[in-house]
Amino acid sequence: MDHEEFFQVLGYLTNPIRRCKLDAEMHELSCNRFERRYEDNAGELPDSSNPHYIILHQEADKWGIELRIYFDANEEPHRAIKDLLREPSPGSDRRWRINNNDLIWDLIYYGFRLAESQNEQLVRGLVENEEPQNIELFNSGYAMPF
């Protein structure tokens, strides 16, 4: 994904009609590493009582820090994320899932948080502090059909 596609995808996923949810799941032994990186990217520590911050015991069958974006889209999602799409976990109320940690860390840097939905004003404000072309790309992704 190139620079232009990233800012379009950021706008696309930020639009509240997509109900974009971010979850993090990991062993308890990975919490310190995750919390340091989350604080570096988000400027805040994750709240351990947050239901989107899922801490598993050592016996769980997980191998690392797993970040997940869940979202809705009736039309085919943005072409830049097409290859990243997965079926959501059973019982999910969202249509699509993305498991790509690299992309999700970049989204966290631009205002995505461990939450049921994303704060458009926070994300938009961080993008507006960038080059003017980035907000134009963001807005074009934001305006894509549902």
N, C-alpha and C. Protein backbone atom coordinates (compact mmCIF):
# COMPACT_ATOMS: atom_id res chain seq x y z
N MET A 1 0.86 -1.17 0.00
CA MET A 1 0.00 0.00 0.00
C MET A 1 0.90 1.23 0.00
N ASP A 2 0.66 2.12 -0.94
CA ASP A 2 1.48 3.33 -1.00
C ASP A 2 0.87 4.44 -0.13
N HIS A 3 1.56 5.58 -0.10
CA HIS A 3 1.18 6.72 0.73
C HIS A 3 -0.26 7.17 0.42
N GLU A 4 -0.57 7.35 -0.85
CA GLU A 4 -1.91 7.82 -1.24
C GLU A 4 -2.98 6.83 -0.82
N GLU A 5 -2.74 5.55 -1.07
CA GLU A 5 -3.73 4.53 -0.70
C GLU A 5 -3.93 4.49 0.81
N PHE A 6 -2.83 4.64 1.58
CA PHE A 6 -2.98 4.61 3.03
C PHE A 6 -3.94 5.69 3.51
N PHE A 7 -3.77 6.93 3.06
CA PHE A 7 -4.63 8.00 3.53
C PHE A 7 -6.07 7.84 3.04
N GLN A 8 -6.26 7.25 1.87
CA GLN A 8 -7.62 6.93 1.42
C GLN A 8 -8.24 5.86 2.31
N VAL A 9 -7.48 4.82 2.62
CA VAL A 9 -7.97 3.74 3.49
C VAL A 9 -8.25 4.29 4.89
N LEU A 10 -7.40 5.17 5.38
CA LEU A 10 -7.63 5.79 6.69
C LEU A 10 -8.97 6.52 6.70
N GLY A 11 -9.24 7.31 5.68
CA GLY A 11 -10.54 7.99 5.58
C GLY A 11 -11.69 7.01 5.43
N TYR A 12 -11.48 6.01 4.61
CA TYR A 12 -12.50 4.98 4.36
C TYR A 12 -12.91 4.29 5.66
N LEU A 13 -11.92 3.88 6.45
CA LEU A 13 -12.22 3.16 7.70
C LEU A 13 -12.68 4.08 8.82
N THR A 14 -12.35 5.36 8.74
CA THR A 14 -12.76 6.31 9.78
C THR A 14 -14.23 6.67 9.66
N ASN A 15 -14.79 6.61 8.46
CA ASN A 15 -16.20 6.97 8.27
C ASN A 15 -17.08 6.15 9.23
N PRO A 16 -17.89 6.80 10.08
CA PRO A 16 -18.69 6.08 11.08
C PRO A 16 -19.66 5.04 10.50
N ILE A 17 -20.02 5.17 9.23
CA ILE A 17 -20.95 4.17 8.66
C ILE A 17 -20.29 2.80 8.59
N ARG A 18 -18.97 2.73 8.67
CA ARG A 18 -18.27 1.44 8.59
C ARG A 18 -18.16 0.75 9.96
N ARG A 19 -18.48 1.47 11.04
CA ARG A 19 -18.46 0.89 12.40
C ARG A 19 -17.15 0.15 12.66
N CYS A 20 -16.06 0.83 12.45
CA CYS A 20 -14.73 0.22 12.53
C CYS A 20 -14.32 0.02 13.99
N LYS A 21 -14.11 -1.23 14.34
CA LYS A 21 -13.73 -1.62 15.70
C LYS A 21 -12.29 -2.12 15.69
N LEU A 22 -11.54 -1.80 16.73
CA LEU A 22 -10.15 -2.25 16.86
C LEU A 22 -10.00 -3.07 18.14
N ASP A 23 -9.50 -4.29 17.99
CA ASP A 23 -9.22 -5.18 19.11
C ASP A 23 -7.75 -5.57 19.11
N ALA A 24 -7.20 -5.80 20.29
CA ALA A 24 -5.85 -6.34 20.45
C ALA A 24 -5.95 -7.55 21.37
N GLU A 25 -5.34 -8.65 20.97
CA GLU A 25 -5.38 -9.88 21.75
C GLU A 25 -3.97 -10.43 21.88
N MET A 26 -3.58 -10.83 23.11
CA MET A 26 -2.21 -11.30 23.33
C MET A 26 -2.11 -12.08 24.63
N HIS A 27 -1.00 -12.80 24.78
CA HIS A 27 -0.65 -13.42 26.06
C HIS A 27 -0.31 -12.33 27.06
N GLU A 28 -0.50 -12.63 28.30
CA GLU A 28 -0.15 -11.66 29.33
C GLU A 28 1.34 -11.31 29.31
N LEU A 29 2.18 -12.22 28.83
CA LEU A 29 3.61 -11.94 28.75
C LEU A 29 3.95 -10.91 27.69
N SER A 30 3.04 -10.64 26.76
CA SER A 30 3.27 -9.66 25.70
C SER A 30 2.74 -8.28 26.04
N CYS A 31 2.07 -8.15 27.17
CA CYS A 31 1.41 -6.88 27.51
C CYS A 31 2.37 -5.71 27.61
N ASN A 32 3.50 -5.88 28.27
CA ASN A 32 4.43 -4.76 28.43
C ASN A 32 4.93 -4.27 27.08
N ARG A 33 5.30 -5.19 26.21
CA ARG A 33 5.78 -4.81 24.88
C ARG A 33 4.68 -4.09 24.09
N PHE A 34 3.46 -4.62 24.16
CA PHE A 34 2.33 -3.99 23.47
C PHE A 34 2.06 -2.60 24.03
N GLU A 35 2.01 -2.49 25.35
CA GLU A 35 1.69 -1.21 25.98
C GLU A 35 2.72 -0.14 25.65
N ARG A 36 4.00 -0.50 25.61
CA ARG A 36 5.03 0.48 25.23
C ARG A 36 4.82 0.97 23.80
N ARG A 37 4.58 0.03 22.89
CA ARG A 37 4.40 0.43 21.49
C ARG A 37 3.10 1.21 21.30
N TYR A 38 2.05 0.80 21.99
CA TYR A 38 0.77 1.52 21.89
C TYR A 38 0.94 2.95 22.39
N GLU A 39 1.62 3.10 23.52
CA GLU A 39 1.85 4.44 24.05
C GLU A 39 2.70 5.28 23.09
N ASP A 40 3.71 4.67 22.48
CA ASP A 40 4.53 5.39 21.50
C ASP A 40 3.71 5.87 20.30
N ASN A 41 2.75 5.05 19.86
CA ASN A 41 1.95 5.38 18.68
C ASN A 41 0.73 6.23 19.00
N ALA A 42 0.09 5.96 20.13
CA ALA A 42 -1.17 6.63 20.46
C ALA A 42 -1.00 7.80 21.43
N GLY A 43 0.15 7.84 22.13
CA GLY A 43 0.35 8.90 23.11
C GLY A 43 -0.36 8.63 24.42
N GLU A 44 -0.83 7.42 24.59
CA GLU A 44 -1.53 7.03 25.83
C GLU A 44 -1.38 5.54 26.02
N LEU A 45 -1.49 5.11 27.27
CA LEU A 45 -1.46 3.68 27.57
C LEU A 45 -2.85 3.09 27.36
N PRO A 46 -2.93 1.84 26.92
CA PRO A 46 -4.25 1.21 26.84
C PRO A 46 -4.75 0.89 28.24
N ASP A 47 -6.04 0.95 28.42
CA ASP A 47 -6.67 0.66 29.71
C ASP A 47 -6.90 -0.85 29.79
N SER A 48 -6.32 -1.49 30.80
CA SER A 48 -6.44 -2.95 30.91
C SER A 48 -7.88 -3.41 31.15
N SER A 49 -8.77 -2.50 31.53
CA SER A 49 -10.18 -2.88 31.71
C SER A 49 -10.99 -2.72 30.41
N ASN A 50 -10.35 -2.22 29.37
CA ASN A 50 -11.02 -2.03 28.07
C ASN A 50 -11.35 -3.41 27.48
N PRO A 51 -12.61 -3.67 27.12
CA PRO A 51 -12.98 -4.98 26.57
C PRO A 51 -12.33 -5.28 25.21
N HIS A 52 -11.73 -4.28 24.58
CA HIS A 52 -11.07 -4.48 23.29
C HIS A 52 -9.58 -4.77 23.46
N TYR A 53 -9.13 -4.77 24.71
CA TYR A 53 -7.76 -5.14 25.06
C TYR A 53 -7.86 -6.50 25.75
N ILE A 54 -7.65 -7.54 24.97
CA ILE A 54 -7.91 -8.91 25.41
C ILE A 54 -6.60 -9.57 25.81
N ILE A 55 -6.48 -9.85 27.10
CA ILE A 55 -5.25 -10.44 27.64
C ILE A 55 -5.54 -11.90 27.97
N LEU A 56 -4.77 -12.78 27.37
CA LEU A 56 -4.94 -14.22 27.55
C LEU A 56 -3.87 -14.77 28.49
N HIS A 57 -4.19 -15.85 29.16
CA HIS A 57 -3.22 -16.52 30.02
C HIS A 57 -2.22 -17.29 29.17
N GLN A 58 -1.09 -17.62 29.76
CA GLN A 58 0.00 -18.25 29.03
C GLN A 58 -0.40 -19.53 28.30
N GLU A 59 -1.37 -20.24 28.79
CA GLU A 59 -1.77 -21.51 28.20
C GLU A 59 -2.56 -21.34 26.89
N ALA A 60 -3.00 -20.14 26.61
CA ALA A 60 -3.80 -19.90 25.40
C ALA A 60 -2.97 -20.17 24.15
N ASP A 61 -3.63 -20.61 23.11
CA ASP A 61 -2.97 -20.96 21.85
C ASP A 61 -2.84 -19.73 20.95
N LYS A 62 -2.06 -18.77 21.38
CA LYS A 62 -1.77 -17.55 20.61
C LYS A 62 -0.26 -17.38 20.59
N TRP A 63 0.28 -16.88 19.49
CA TRP A 63 1.73 -16.79 19.37
C TRP A 63 2.28 -15.38 19.48
N GLY A 64 1.44 -14.40 19.51
CA GLY A 64 1.97 -13.04 19.59
C GLY A 64 0.87 -12.03 19.81
N ILE A 65 1.18 -10.78 19.53
CA ILE A 65 0.21 -9.70 19.63
C ILE A 65 -0.60 -9.71 18.34
N GLU A 66 -1.88 -9.89 18.47
CA GLU A 66 -2.76 -9.94 17.31
C GLU A 66 -3.70 -8.74 17.32
N LEU A 67 -3.54 -7.89 16.33
CA LEU A 67 -4.40 -6.72 16.18
C LEU A 67 -5.43 -7.03 15.11
N ARG A 68 -6.66 -6.60 15.36
CA ARG A 68 -7.76 -6.89 14.43
C ARG A 68 -8.62 -5.65 14.24
N ILE A 69 -8.93 -5.36 12.98
CA ILE A 69 -9.91 -4.33 12.63
C ILE A 69 -11.12 -5.07 12.10
N TYR A 70 -12.28 -4.74 12.62
CA TYR A 70 -13.56 -5.27 12.12
C TYR A 70 -14.37 -4.08 11.60
N PHE A 71 -15.00 -4.24 10.44
CA PHE A 71 -15.77 -3.13 9.89
C PHE A 71 -16.85 -3.63 8.95
N ASP A 72 -17.76 -2.72 8.58
CA ASP A 72 -18.84 -3.02 7.66
C ASP A 72 -18.62 -2.33 6.34
N ALA A 73 -19.08 -2.95 5.29
CA ALA A 73 -19.11 -2.36 3.94
C ALA A 73 -20.02 -3.24 3.10
N ASN A 74 -21.01 -2.63 2.47
CA ASN A 74 -21.89 -3.39 1.60
C ASN A 74 -21.28 -3.59 0.22
N GLU A 75 -20.65 -2.54 -0.27
CA GLU A 75 -19.96 -2.64 -1.55
C GLU A 75 -18.62 -3.31 -1.31
N GLU A 76 -17.94 -3.66 -2.37
CA GLU A 76 -16.60 -4.21 -2.20
C GLU A 76 -15.71 -3.16 -1.55
N PRO A 77 -14.98 -3.52 -0.48
CA PRO A 77 -14.13 -2.55 0.21
C PRO A 77 -13.04 -1.96 -0.68
N HIS A 78 -12.41 -0.92 -0.20
CA HIS A 78 -11.35 -0.21 -0.92
C HIS A 78 -10.35 -1.21 -1.50
N ARG A 79 -9.95 -1.00 -2.74
CA ARG A 79 -9.07 -1.93 -3.45
C ARG A 79 -7.74 -2.16 -2.75
N ALA A 80 -7.24 -1.17 -2.03
CA ALA A 80 -5.94 -1.28 -1.36
C ALA A 80 -5.96 -2.28 -0.21
N ILE A 81 -7.13 -2.59 0.33
CA ILE A 81 -7.21 -3.55 1.43
C ILE A 81 -7.84 -4.87 1.01
N LYS A 82 -8.18 -4.99 -0.25
CA LYS A 82 -8.88 -6.19 -0.73
C LYS A 82 -8.13 -7.48 -0.37
N ASP A 83 -6.81 -7.50 -0.54
CA ASP A 83 -6.03 -8.71 -0.24
C ASP A 83 -5.85 -8.95 1.26
N LEU A 84 -6.18 -7.96 2.08
CA LEU A 84 -6.03 -8.10 3.53
C LEU A 84 -7.30 -8.59 4.22
N LEU A 85 -8.39 -8.67 3.48
CA LEU A 85 -9.69 -8.99 4.08
C LEU A 85 -9.80 -10.46 4.47
N ARG A 86 -10.43 -10.67 5.60
CA ARG A 86 -10.72 -12.01 6.11
C ARG A 86 -12.18 -12.03 6.55
N GLU A 87 -12.71 -13.23 6.64
CA GLU A 87 -14.04 -13.38 7.23
C GLU A 87 -13.92 -13.05 8.71
N PRO A 88 -14.93 -12.38 9.27
CA PRO A 88 -14.86 -12.06 10.70
C PRO A 88 -14.96 -13.32 11.56
N SER A 89 -14.57 -13.20 12.79
CA SER A 89 -14.69 -14.30 13.74
C SER A 89 -16.15 -14.67 13.91
N PRO A 90 -16.44 -15.93 14.20
CA PRO A 90 -17.83 -16.33 14.43
C PRO A 90 -18.46 -15.46 15.53
N GLY A 91 -19.69 -15.04 15.29
CA GLY A 91 -20.40 -14.22 16.25
C GLY A 91 -20.16 -12.73 16.09
N SER A 92 -19.27 -12.34 15.19
CA SER A 92 -19.01 -10.92 14.98
C SER A 92 -20.20 -10.25 14.32
N ASP A 93 -20.44 -9.00 14.67
CA ASP A 93 -21.53 -8.25 14.06
C ASP A 93 -21.01 -7.33 12.95
N ARG A 94 -19.78 -7.57 12.50
CA ARG A 94 -19.19 -6.81 11.39
C ARG A 94 -18.98 -7.76 10.21
N ARG A 95 -18.95 -7.20 9.02
CA ARG A 95 -18.84 -8.03 7.81
C ARG A 95 -17.40 -8.43 7.47
N TRP A 96 -16.42 -7.57 7.76
CA TRP A 96 -15.04 -7.81 7.34
C TRP A 96 -14.08 -7.69 8.52
N ARG A 97 -12.90 -8.33 8.33
CA ARG A 97 -11.84 -8.28 9.33
C ARG A 97 -10.51 -8.10 8.60
N ILE A 98 -9.61 -7.31 9.20
CA ILE A 98 -8.24 -7.16 8.73
C ILE A 98 -7.32 -7.54 9.87
N ASN A 99 -6.34 -8.41 9.57
CA ASN A 99 -5.40 -8.91 10.59
C ASN A 99 -4.01 -8.32 10.44
N ASN A 100 -3.79 -7.35 9.61
CA ASN A 100 -2.46 -6.87 9.28
C ASN A 100 -1.93 -5.91 10.36
N ASN A 101 -1.04 -6.41 11.22
CA ASN A 101 -0.53 -5.59 12.32
C ASN A 101 0.18 -4.34 11.83
N ASP A 102 0.95 -4.43 10.75
CA ASP A 102 1.68 -3.25 10.26
C ASP A 102 0.71 -2.12 9.90
N LEU A 103 -0.33 -2.45 9.16
CA LEU A 103 -1.35 -1.45 8.80
C LEU A 103 -2.02 -0.90 10.06
N ILE A 104 -2.37 -1.78 10.97
CA ILE A 104 -3.11 -1.36 12.16
C ILE A 104 -2.25 -0.47 13.06
N TRP A 105 -0.95 -0.73 13.18
CA TRP A 105 -0.09 0.18 13.95
C TRP A 105 -0.08 1.56 13.31
N ASP A 106 -0.06 1.62 11.98
CA ASP A 106 -0.13 2.93 11.31
C ASP A 106 -1.46 3.62 11.59
N LEU A 107 -2.55 2.86 11.62
CA LEU A 107 -3.87 3.44 11.94
C LEU A 107 -3.89 3.97 13.37
N ILE A 108 -3.27 3.25 14.29
CA ILE A 108 -3.20 3.70 15.68
C ILE A 108 -2.44 5.02 15.76
N TYR A 109 -1.36 5.14 15.03
CA TYR A 109 -0.59 6.38 15.01
C TYR A 109 -1.47 7.56 14.57
N TYR A 110 -2.39 7.30 13.65
CA TYR A 110 -3.28 8.35 13.15
C TYR A 110 -4.63 8.39 13.87
N GLY A 111 -4.70 7.87 15.09
CA GLY A 111 -5.87 8.12 15.92
C GLY A 111 -6.80 6.95 16.18
N PHE A 112 -6.58 5.82 15.54
CA PHE A 112 -7.42 4.66 15.85
C PHE A 112 -7.08 4.18 17.25
N ARG A 113 -8.10 3.76 17.98
CA ARG A 113 -7.92 3.31 19.34
C ARG A 113 -8.65 1.99 19.56
N LEU A 114 -8.27 1.30 20.64
CA LEU A 114 -8.96 0.07 21.03
C LEU A 114 -10.36 0.46 21.45
N ALA A 115 -11.32 0.25 20.55
CA ALA A 115 -12.68 0.73 20.81
C ALA A 115 -13.66 0.09 19.85
N GLU A 116 -14.92 0.20 20.21
CA GLU A 116 -16.04 -0.30 19.40
C GLU A 116 -16.22 0.52 18.13
N SER A 117 -15.86 1.79 18.17
CA SER A 117 -15.91 2.67 17.00
C SER A 117 -14.79 3.69 17.13
N GLN A 118 -14.49 4.37 16.05
CA GLN A 118 -13.35 5.28 16.04
C GLN A 118 -13.81 6.74 16.14
N ASN A 119 -12.94 7.57 16.66
CA ASN A 119 -13.22 8.98 16.88
C ASN A 119 -12.80 9.78 15.65
N GLU A 120 -13.78 10.11 14.82
CA GLU A 120 -13.49 10.80 13.57
C GLU A 120 -12.74 12.10 13.80
N GLN A 121 -13.13 12.88 14.80
CA GLN A 121 -12.49 14.17 15.04
C GLN A 121 -11.01 14.01 15.40
N LEU A 122 -10.69 12.99 16.19
CA LEU A 122 -9.29 12.73 16.55
C LEU A 122 -8.49 12.38 15.31
N VAL A 123 -8.99 11.43 14.52
CA VAL A 123 -8.26 10.99 13.32
C VAL A 123 -8.12 12.15 12.34
N ARG A 124 -9.23 12.82 12.06
CA ARG A 124 -9.20 13.94 11.11
C ARG A 124 -8.22 15.03 11.58
N GLY A 125 -8.21 15.34 12.86
CA GLY A 125 -7.31 16.35 13.39
C GLY A 125 -5.85 15.98 13.20
N LEU A 126 -5.50 14.70 13.39
CA LEU A 126 -4.12 14.27 13.19
C LEU A 126 -3.73 14.33 11.72
N VAL A 127 -4.67 13.98 10.83
CA VAL A 127 -4.38 14.04 9.39
C VAL A 127 -4.24 15.49 8.94
N GLU A 128 -5.06 16.37 9.48
CA GLU A 128 -5.00 17.79 9.08
C GLU A 128 -3.67 18.43 9.45
N ASN A 129 -2.96 17.86 10.42
CA ASN A 129 -1.64 18.38 10.79
C ASN A 129 -0.55 17.95 9.81
N GLU A 130 -0.91 17.13 8.84
CA GLU A 130 0.02 16.64 7.83
C GLU A 130 -0.03 17.54 6.60
N GLU A 131 0.54 17.07 5.52
CA GLU A 131 0.51 17.81 4.25
C GLU A 131 -0.92 17.95 3.75
N PRO A 132 -1.25 19.06 3.09
CA PRO A 132 -2.63 19.28 2.61
C PRO A 132 -3.16 18.17 1.72
N GLN A 133 -2.29 17.55 0.94
CA GLN A 133 -2.76 16.47 0.06
C GLN A 133 -3.29 15.28 0.85
N ASN A 134 -2.79 15.07 2.08
CA ASN A 134 -3.23 13.93 2.89
C ASN A 134 -4.69 14.07 3.29
N ILE A 135 -5.13 15.27 3.64
CA ILE A 135 -6.55 15.44 4.01
C ILE A 135 -7.43 15.28 2.79
N GLU A 136 -6.95 15.66 1.62
CA GLU A 136 -7.71 15.44 0.38
C GLU A 136 -7.87 13.94 0.11
N LEU A 137 -6.80 13.18 0.29
CA LEU A 137 -6.86 11.72 0.11
C LEU A 137 -7.77 11.10 1.16
N PHE A 138 -7.63 11.55 2.40
CA PHE A 138 -8.48 11.08 3.50
C PHE A 138 -9.95 11.31 3.15
N ASN A 139 -10.27 12.53 2.70
CA ASN A 139 -11.67 12.86 2.37
C ASN A 139 -12.19 12.04 1.20
N SER A 140 -11.33 11.73 0.24
CA SER A 140 -11.79 10.90 -0.89
C SER A 140 -12.10 9.49 -0.43
N GLY A 141 -11.30 8.94 0.48
CA GLY A 141 -11.60 7.62 1.03
C GLY A 141 -12.84 7.65 1.92
N TYR A 142 -12.97 8.70 2.70
CA TYR A 142 -14.12 8.86 3.60
C TYR A 142 -15.42 8.87 2.80
N ALA A 143 -15.40 9.49 1.62
CA ALA A 143 -16.61 9.66 0.81
C ALA A 143 -16.95 8.43 -0.05
N MET A 144 -16.13 7.40 -0.01
CA MET A 144 -16.43 6.22 -0.84
C MET A 144 -17.77 5.60 -0.42
N PRO A 145 -18.49 5.02 -1.38
CA PRO A 145 -19.80 4.42 -1.07
C PRO A 145 -19.70 3.33 -0.02
N PHE A 146 -20.77 3.19 0.72
CA PHE A 146 -20.83 2.15 1.75
C PHE A 146 -20.89 0.80 1.07
